Amino acid sequence: MTDAPSPEDLGVDQKVPWYVYDRNQDLLHIAPTLTEAEAWAIAHWGVVEVADREEVADHDYWYLLFAAPQEEAGYTSRDFQARIIRRDRVIALRRDPDAAPRHP
């Protein structure tokens, strides 16, 4: 999503799942890698531009995403916020790592 090296490129364990949350902290999806979690978020919202990507903490990223107009999807906004967090960070934040995502 950005030109910065991904955690996978830096040698981070790729076997630990990544969790995609929306702006309301709803768990949307769990992916096996950060790259796949980012790709899922882009496809889910029909993103045309990643306006911002910020590393909140180790293995914890916040995104501001802009989507193309999607009348059929029923969204009232074109900007979305996503937070993609690795499993160890999910546990540190005291969220349930075994919760069922809305979009498995």
Protein backbone atom coordinates (compact mmCIF):
# COMPACT_ATOMS: atom_id res chain seq x y z
CA MET A 1 0.00 0.00 0.00
CA THR A 2 3.00 2.24 0.49
CA ASP A 3 6.60 2.34 -0.68
CA ALA A 4 7.82 1.45 2.81
CA PRO A 5 9.01 -2.15 3.24
CA SER A 6 6.35 -4.42 4.61
CA PRO A 7 6.92 -6.37 7.84
CA GLU A 8 7.15 -9.53 5.72
CA ASP A 9 10.08 -7.97 3.83
CA LEU A 10 11.79 -7.22 7.14
CA GLY A 11 11.70 -10.84 8.25
CA VAL A 12 8.59 -10.78 10.47
CA ASP A 13 7.04 -14.21 11.07
CA GLN A 14 4.55 -14.70 8.26
CA LYS A 15 2.67 -17.53 10.01
CA VAL A 16 1.00 -15.19 12.51
CA PRO A 17 -2.43 -13.98 11.31
CA TRP A 18 -3.38 -10.36 10.76
CA TYR A 19 -6.75 -8.91 11.79
CA VAL A 20 -8.61 -6.22 9.80
CA TYR A 21 -10.83 -3.88 11.83
CA ASP A 22 -13.01 -1.01 10.62
CA ARG A 23 -13.30 2.46 12.16
CA ASN A 24 -15.83 1.12 14.68
CA GLN A 25 -13.35 -1.55 15.83
CA ASP A 26 -15.47 -4.32 14.29
CA LEU A 27 -13.42 -7.34 13.25
CA LEU A 28 -13.97 -7.74 9.52
CA HIS A 29 -11.44 -10.28 8.32
CA ILE A 30 -8.44 -12.38 9.33
CA ALA A 31 -5.66 -12.91 6.81
CA PRO A 32 -2.47 -14.99 6.97
CA THR A 33 -0.16 -12.05 6.09
CA LEU A 34 -0.17 -8.27 6.24
CA THR A 35 -0.02 -8.09 2.46
CA GLU A 36 -3.14 -10.26 2.14
CA ALA A 37 -4.93 -8.24 4.84
CA GLU A 38 -4.18 -5.01 2.95
CA ALA A 39 -5.31 -6.55 -0.35
CA TRP A 40 -8.55 -7.72 1.27
CA ALA A 41 -9.29 -4.23 2.66
CA ILE A 42 -8.65 -2.65 -0.75
CA ALA A 43 -10.98 -5.09 -2.48
CA HIS A 44 -13.63 -4.94 0.26
CA TRP A 45 -14.10 -1.18 0.02
CA GLY A 46 -13.12 -0.70 -3.63
CA VAL A 47 -10.21 1.52 -2.63
CA VAL A 48 -8.72 3.78 -5.28
CA GLU A 49 -6.28 5.63 -3.02
CA VAL A 50 -4.49 4.95 0.24
CA ALA A 51 -4.42 8.44 1.70
CA ASP A 52 -2.44 7.54 4.80
CA ARG A 53 -0.75 4.55 6.44
CA GLU A 54 0.55 5.01 9.96
CA GLU A 55 2.32 2.53 12.18
CA VAL A 56 0.56 2.95 15.53
CA ALA A 57 2.78 0.41 17.28
CA ASP A 58 4.78 -2.66 16.32
CA HIS A 59 2.54 -4.88 14.15
CA ASP A 60 -0.31 -2.35 14.30
CA TYR A 61 -1.19 -0.17 11.29
CA TRP A 62 -3.91 2.43 10.75
CA TYR A 63 -5.08 3.34 7.23
CA LEU A 64 -7.17 6.10 5.70
CA LEU A 65 -8.63 4.73 2.48
CA PHE A 66 -10.57 6.46 -0.31
CA ALA A 67 -12.96 4.40 -2.40
CA ALA A 68 -14.61 4.95 -5.74
CA PRO A 69 -18.31 5.88 -5.57
CA GLN A 70 -20.30 2.70 -4.92
CA GLU A 71 -24.02 3.23 -5.12
CA GLU A 72 -24.73 -0.51 -5.23
CA ALA A 73 -22.72 -1.17 -2.05
CA GLY A 74 -24.86 1.15 0.02
CA TYR A 75 -21.98 3.10 1.57
CA THR A 76 -22.72 6.69 2.45
CA SER A 77 -19.07 7.65 2.59
CA ARG A 78 -16.07 7.28 0.31
CA ASP A 79 -13.46 7.40 3.06
CA PHE A 80 -12.81 4.41 5.24
CA GLN A 81 -10.51 3.76 8.14
CA ALA A 82 -8.96 0.38 8.69
CA ARG A 83 -6.70 -0.92 11.37
CA ILE A 84 -4.67 -4.01 10.57
CA ILE A 85 -3.13 -5.70 13.58
CA ARG A 86 -1.03 -8.83 14.02
CA ARG A 87 -2.35 -11.49 16.42
CA ASP A 88 0.17 -10.72 19.19
CA ARG A 89 -0.91 -7.07 19.16
CA VAL A 90 -4.61 -8.10 19.19
CA ILE A 91 -3.92 -10.06 22.37
CA ALA A 92 -1.95 -7.15 23.89
CA LEU A 93 -4.95 -4.88 23.24
CA ARG A 94 -7.12 -7.43 25.09
CA ARG A 95 -9.24 -8.21 22.08
CA ASP A 96 -10.44 -11.74 21.46
CA PRO A 97 -8.10 -13.33 18.90
CA ASP A 98 -10.64 -16.12 18.38
CA ALA A 99 -13.56 -13.81 17.57
CA ALA A 100 -15.46 -14.57 14.39
CA PRO A 101 -14.88 -11.96 11.67
CA ARG A 102 -17.84 -10.50 9.78
CA HIS A 103 -16.25 -11.52 6.47
CA PRO A 104 -14.27 -14.74 7.01
